Structure formats: structure tokens, C-alpha cells
């Protein structure tokens, strides 16, 4: 086990210990685990289940129910494109296609270099800005496909 893995495991164990026995502790533990690892691999879910003394099926159920959790690695830049009604009607599918084309990935994939992950989302509550794209916490609205290369270049250069 690498030193980095050992540090992560110790940090996760501390989080589990803090929430052990607390009602409703599973979600905060999953949130912290995702901060530590970047996603929730099966080995982490198993450790959480053992540590909190809950069935693995409960851990997996919560991790797959809430969209904020990911079971596979995500890029440094998580791109979300809203597919709510307003965004969809105003061309969000074209935005998805352009982002995917520019990055060479499909929805729910991550670029080979681990920098970008492309996801579609439900309504994010910015209907007046439709169609909307987010990159981590940055929001871009009233988009047309030709704006995508410029937006992505900001993050490629970081």
C-alpha cells in the first residue's frame, strides 16, 4: 500500500469513528469519503459499511441514489449539462454533442488524462439561462455550441 493510500485510509477511519453510532451518519461519511478519494470505489464502501456496522447494500443504495456521489473516478473538471425541460428545448442536446466532440468522450465518461468528466444533469434551477453548462461550480448560460471551445480552453490551460 502506498503512503498516499495509507494516509487516505487513516483519514477515512477517523471520519468513520467520528460518525459511528450517530443516526444519519452515513451520508456525511460518504461525502467525506468522496472528498478524500474523489469517488466511492467498492473497497471504500466496504470499509464504511464495516466501520458503521451497516449493510453494504445500504451504503451502495445511498451512494447510487444521490447524484452527488460517484462510483467511478471523475475528472478534475466535472462538466454538467442541464437537460431539464427549458434547457432541452433550447438546445442542450447540441451542447452535449459539442462538448463530447471537443473532449473525445461520451456522457458519463472521463478523458484519458483524467481532467474532464461529462455528465448530464436534471434541472439546476437556472431555467432563465437555458441552456446551462456547469464546470465544477462555474455556471455558463444561454449557450450556443460554438462557445464550447472557448469555455473548455479556460480549463485546459489551468
C-alpha atoms as a PDB file:
ATOM      1  CA  UNK A   1       0.000   0.000   0.000  1.00  0.00           C
ATOM      2  CA  UNK A   2       1.386   3.410  -0.935  1.00  0.00           C
ATOM      3  CA  UNK A   3       1.916   6.145   1.604  1.00  0.00           C
ATOM      4  CA  UNK A   4      -0.867   8.169  -0.026  1.00  0.00           C
ATOM      5  CA  UNK A   5      -3.274   5.222   0.261  1.00  0.00           C
ATOM      6  CA  UNK A   6      -2.362   4.776   3.909  1.00  0.00           C
ATOM      7  CA  UNK A   7      -2.998   8.470   4.620  1.00  0.00           C
ATOM      8  CA  UNK A   8      -6.385   8.306   2.890  1.00  0.00           C
ATOM      9  CA  UNK A   9      -7.354   5.159   4.762  1.00  0.00           C
ATOM     10  CA  UNK A  10      -6.407   6.700   8.102  1.00  0.00           C
ATOM     11  CA  UNK A  11      -8.356   9.869   7.289  1.00  0.00           C
ATOM     12  CA  UNK A  12     -11.408   7.792   6.321  1.00  0.00           C
ATOM     13  CA  UNK A  13     -11.139   5.749   9.522  1.00  0.00           C
ATOM     14  CA  UNK A  14     -11.140   8.977  11.558  1.00  0.00           C
ATOM     15  CA  UNK A  15     -14.284  10.158   9.768  1.00  0.00           C
ATOM     16  CA  UNK A  16     -15.983   6.811  10.334  1.00  0.00           C
ATOM     17  CA  UNK A  17     -15.035   6.862  14.011  1.00  0.00           C
ATOM     18  CA  UNK A  18     -16.454  10.387  14.379  1.00  0.00           C
ATOM     19  CA  UNK A  19     -19.846   9.357  12.944  1.00  0.00           C
ATOM     20  CA  UNK A  20     -20.033   5.800  14.325  1.00  0.00           C
ATOM     21  CA  UNK A  21     -23.306   5.306  16.183  1.00  0.00           C
ATOM     22  CA  UNK A  22     -24.789   8.611  15.040  1.00  0.00           C
ATOM     23  CA  UNK A  23     -28.161   8.389  13.354  1.00  0.00           C
ATOM     24  CA  UNK A  24     -27.921   9.785   9.844  1.00  0.00           C
ATOM     25  CA  UNK A  25     -24.136   9.491   9.815  1.00  0.00           C
ATOM     26  CA  UNK A  26     -23.899   7.550   6.567  1.00  0.00           C
ATOM     27  CA  UNK A  27     -24.369  10.496   4.225  1.00  0.00           C
ATOM     28  CA  UNK A  28     -21.747  12.719   5.882  1.00  0.00           C
ATOM     29  CA  UNK A  29     -19.304   9.793   5.903  1.00  0.00           C
ATOM     30  CA  UNK A  30     -19.916   9.209   2.188  1.00  0.00           C
ATOM     31  CA  UNK A  31     -19.436  12.911   1.491  1.00  0.00           C
ATOM     32  CA  UNK A  32     -16.139  12.982   3.363  1.00  0.00           C
ATOM     33  CA  UNK A  33     -15.018   9.733   1.746  1.00  0.00           C
ATOM     34  CA  UNK A  34     -15.672  11.194  -1.679  1.00  0.00           C
ATOM     35  CA  UNK A  35     -13.671  14.297  -0.740  1.00  0.00           C
ATOM     36  CA  UNK A  36     -10.796  12.052   0.339  1.00  0.00           C
ATOM     37  CA  UNK A  37     -10.825   9.658  -2.635  1.00  0.00           C
ATOM     38  CA  UNK A  38     -12.543  11.708  -5.346  1.00  0.00           C
ATOM     39  CA  UNK A  39     -15.142   8.957  -5.751  1.00  0.00           C
ATOM     40  CA  UNK A  40     -16.509   5.947  -3.856  1.00  0.00           C
ATOM     41  CA  UNK A  41     -14.808   2.757  -5.004  1.00  0.00           C
ATOM     42  CA  UNK A  42     -16.162  -0.565  -3.743  1.00  0.00           C
ATOM     43  CA  UNK A  43     -13.313  -1.033  -1.259  1.00  0.00           C
ATOM     44  CA  UNK A  44     -14.194   2.313   0.363  1.00  0.00           C
ATOM     45  CA  UNK A  45     -17.885   1.415   0.515  1.00  0.00           C
ATOM     46  CA  UNK A  46     -16.975  -1.873   2.202  1.00  0.00           C
ATOM     47  CA  UNK A  47     -14.799  -0.092   4.769  1.00  0.00           C
ATOM     48  CA  UNK A  48     -17.614   2.353   5.538  1.00  0.00           C
ATOM     49  CA  UNK A  49     -20.141  -0.475   5.902  1.00  0.00           C
ATOM     50  CA  UNK A  50     -17.864  -2.365   8.332  1.00  0.00           C
ATOM     51  CA  UNK A  51     -16.943   0.785  10.230  1.00  0.00           C
ATOM     52  CA  UNK A  52     -20.517   1.991  10.671  1.00  0.00           C
ATOM     53  CA  UNK A  53     -21.867  -1.538  11.113  1.00  0.00           C
ATOM     54  CA  UNK A  54     -24.416  -1.136   8.328  1.00  0.00           C
ATOM     55  CA  UNK A  55     -25.103  -3.470   5.412  1.00  0.00           C
ATOM     56  CA  UNK A  56     -23.032  -2.835   2.303  1.00  0.00           C
ATOM     57  CA  UNK A  57     -26.324  -2.726   0.401  1.00  0.00           C
ATOM     58  CA  UNK A  58     -27.324   0.356   2.441  1.00  0.00           C
ATOM     59  CA  UNK A  59     -24.057   2.103   1.634  1.00  0.00           C
ATOM     60  CA  UNK A  60     -24.371   1.232  -2.046  1.00  0.00           C
ATOM     61  CA  UNK A  61     -28.045   2.238  -2.084  1.00  0.00           C
ATOM     62  CA  UNK A  62     -27.331   5.706  -0.724  1.00  0.00           C
ATOM     63  CA  UNK A  63     -24.254   6.157  -2.923  1.00  0.00           C
ATOM     64  CA  UNK A  64     -26.235   5.332  -6.064  1.00  0.00           C
ATOM     65  CA  UNK A  65     -29.407   7.202  -5.099  1.00  0.00           C
ATOM     66  CA  UNK A  66     -27.853  10.644  -4.702  1.00  0.00           C
ATOM     67  CA  UNK A  67     -26.366  12.164  -7.843  1.00  0.00           C
ATOM     68  CA  UNK A  68     -23.647  13.969  -5.894  1.00  0.00           C
ATOM     69  CA  UNK A  69     -21.889  10.644  -5.317  1.00  0.00           C
ATOM     70  CA  UNK A  70     -19.802   8.911  -7.949  1.00  0.00           C
ATOM     71  CA  UNK A  71     -18.781   5.243  -8.038  1.00  0.00           C
ATOM     72  CA  UNK A  72     -16.077   5.805 -10.615  1.00  0.00           C
ATOM     73  CA  UNK A  73     -13.285   8.354 -10.857  1.00  0.00           C
ATOM     74  CA  UNK A  74     -14.275  11.781 -12.091  1.00  0.00           C
ATOM     75  CA  UNK A  75     -12.097  14.348 -13.772  1.00  0.00           C
ATOM     76  CA  UNK A  76     -10.635  17.421 -12.162  1.00  0.00           C
ATOM     77  CA  UNK A  77     -13.297  19.348 -14.065  1.00  0.00           C
ATOM     78  CA  UNK A  78     -16.788  17.915 -13.859  1.00  0.00           C
ATOM     79  CA  UNK A  79     -18.896  19.267 -16.698  1.00  0.00           C
ATOM     80  CA  UNK A  80     -22.635  19.081 -16.148  1.00  0.00           C
ATOM     81  CA  UNK A  81     -25.111  19.977 -18.838  1.00  0.00           C
ATOM     82  CA  UNK A  82     -28.655  20.576 -17.715  1.00  0.00           C
ATOM     83  CA  UNK A  83     -31.250  18.520 -19.556  1.00  0.00           C
ATOM     84  CA  UNK A  84     -34.245  19.954 -17.736  1.00  0.00           C
ATOM     85  CA  UNK A  85     -37.165  20.956 -19.939  1.00  0.00           C
ATOM     86  CA  UNK A  86     -36.123  24.569 -20.575  1.00  0.00           C
ATOM     87  CA  UNK A  87     -32.524  23.626 -21.359  1.00  0.00           C
ATOM     88  CA  UNK A  88     -33.542  20.691 -23.509  1.00  0.00           C
ATOM     89  CA  UNK A  89     -35.958  22.795 -25.553  1.00  0.00           C
ATOM     90  CA  UNK A  90     -33.293  25.481 -26.048  1.00  0.00           C
ATOM     91  CA  UNK A  91     -30.695  23.083 -27.440  1.00  0.00           C
ATOM     92  CA  UNK A  92     -28.911  21.368 -24.565  1.00  0.00           C
ATOM     93  CA  UNK A  93     -28.508  18.191 -26.624  1.00  0.00           C
ATOM     94  CA  UNK A  94     -26.404  20.157 -29.135  1.00  0.00           C
ATOM     95  CA  UNK A  95     -24.257  21.419 -26.246  1.00  0.00           C
ATOM     96  CA  UNK A  96     -23.745  17.837 -25.023  1.00  0.00           C
ATOM     97  CA  UNK A  97     -22.743  16.760 -28.522  1.00  0.00           C
ATOM     98  CA  UNK A  98     -20.271  19.620 -28.909  1.00  0.00           C
ATOM     99  CA  UNK A  99     -18.619  19.094 -25.515  1.00  0.00           C
ATOM    100  CA  UNK A 100     -18.333  15.378 -26.211  1.00  0.00           C
ATOM    101  CA  UNK A 101     -16.858  16.041 -29.624  1.00  0.00           C
ATOM    102  CA  UNK A 102     -14.347  18.580 -28.299  1.00  0.00           C
ATOM    103  CA  UNK A 103     -13.185  16.261 -25.500  1.00  0.00           C
ATOM    104  CA  UNK A 104     -13.499  12.963 -27.343  1.00  0.00           C
ATOM    105  CA  UNK A 105     -15.768  11.423 -24.708  1.00  0.00           C
ATOM    106  CA  UNK A 106     -19.400  10.470 -24.250  1.00  0.00           C
ATOM    107  CA  UNK A 107     -21.756  11.224 -21.382  1.00  0.00           C
ATOM    108  CA  UNK A 108     -20.581   9.647 -18.112  1.00  0.00           C
ATOM    109  CA  UNK A 109     -17.041   9.270 -19.384  1.00  0.00           C
ATOM    110  CA  UNK A 110     -13.784  10.862 -18.280  1.00  0.00           C
ATOM    111  CA  UNK A 111     -10.985  11.945 -20.589  1.00  0.00           C
ATOM    112  CA  UNK A 112      -7.943   9.681 -20.674  1.00  0.00           C
ATOM    113  CA  UNK A 113      -5.854  12.329 -18.903  1.00  0.00           C
ATOM    114  CA  UNK A 114      -8.372  12.475 -16.031  1.00  0.00           C
ATOM    115  CA  UNK A 115      -9.054  16.171 -16.491  1.00  0.00           C
ATOM    116  CA  UNK A 116     -12.704  16.229 -17.662  1.00  0.00           C
ATOM    117  CA  UNK A 117     -15.852  14.245 -16.934  1.00  0.00           C
ATOM    118  CA  UNK A 118     -19.033  14.856 -18.935  1.00  0.00           C
ATOM    119  CA  UNK A 119     -22.418  14.389 -17.286  1.00  0.00           C
ATOM    120  CA  UNK A 120     -25.978  15.408 -17.963  1.00  0.00           C
ATOM    121  CA  UNK A 121     -27.966  16.710 -15.033  1.00  0.00           C
ATOM    122  CA  UNK A 122     -31.526  17.345 -14.099  1.00  0.00           C
ATOM    123  CA  UNK A 123     -32.784  20.892 -13.737  1.00  0.00           C
ATOM    124  CA  UNK A 124     -30.323  23.058 -11.824  1.00  0.00           C
ATOM    125  CA  UNK A 125     -32.792  25.908 -11.343  1.00  0.00           C
ATOM    126  CA  UNK A 126     -31.301  28.342 -13.864  1.00  0.00           C
ATOM    127  CA  UNK A 127     -34.059  27.998 -16.442  1.00  0.00           C
ATOM    128  CA  UNK A 128     -33.833  31.662 -17.438  1.00  0.00           C
ATOM    129  CA  UNK A 129     -30.258  31.000 -18.613  1.00  0.00           C
ATOM    130  CA  UNK A 130     -31.102  27.912 -20.687  1.00  0.00           C
ATOM    131  CA  UNK A 131     -29.226  26.029 -21.949  1.00  0.00           C
ATOM    132  CA  UNK A 132     -26.865  25.832 -18.987  1.00  0.00           C
ATOM    133  CA  UNK A 133     -23.500  24.136 -18.508  1.00  0.00           C
ATOM    134  CA  UNK A 134     -21.516  23.926 -15.282  1.00  0.00           C
ATOM    135  CA  UNK A 135     -17.822  23.251 -14.847  1.00  0.00           C
ATOM    136  CA  UNK A 136     -17.430  22.350 -11.185  1.00  0.00           C
ATOM    137  CA  UNK A 137     -19.050  25.416  -9.571  1.00  0.00           C
ATOM    138  CA  UNK A 138     -18.803  27.762 -12.576  1.00  0.00           C
ATOM    139  CA  UNK A 139     -22.073  28.314 -14.462  1.00  0.00           C
ATOM    140  CA  UNK A 140     -22.398  29.225 -18.138  1.00  0.00           C
ATOM    141  CA  UNK A 141     -25.760  30.075 -19.640  1.00  0.00           C
ATOM    142  CA  UNK A 142     -27.529  30.989 -22.859  1.00  0.00           C
ATOM    143  CA  UNK A 143     -25.035  28.819 -24.682  1.00  0.00           C
ATOM    144  CA  UNK A 144     -24.591  28.005 -28.317  1.00  0.00           C
ATOM    145  CA  UNK A 145     -22.346  25.137 -29.444  1.00  0.00           C
ATOM    146  CA  UNK A 146     -19.722  27.471 -30.924  1.00  0.00           C
ATOM    147  CA  UNK A 147     -18.985  28.862 -27.435  1.00  0.00           C
ATOM    148  CA  UNK A 148     -17.888  25.468 -26.100  1.00  0.00           C
ATOM    149  CA  UNK A 149     -14.259  25.503 -27.365  1.00  0.00           C
ATOM    150  CA  UNK A 150     -13.624  28.841 -25.645  1.00  0.00           C
ATOM    151  CA  UNK A 151     -15.123  27.674 -22.370  1.00  0.00           C
ATOM    152  CA  UNK A 152     -13.135  24.442 -22.391  1.00  0.00           C
ATOM    153  CA  UNK A 153      -9.890  26.234 -23.236  1.00  0.00           C
ATOM    154  CA  UNK A 154     -10.079  28.109 -19.931  1.00  0.00           C
ATOM    155  CA  UNK A 155      -9.829  24.790 -18.085  1.00  0.00           C
ATOM    156  CA  UNK A 156      -7.407  23.077 -20.448  1.00  0.00           C
ATOM    157  CA  UNK A 157      -4.897  25.846 -19.758  1.00  0.00           C
ATOM    158  CA  UNK A 158      -5.175  25.582 -15.958  1.00  0.00           C
END
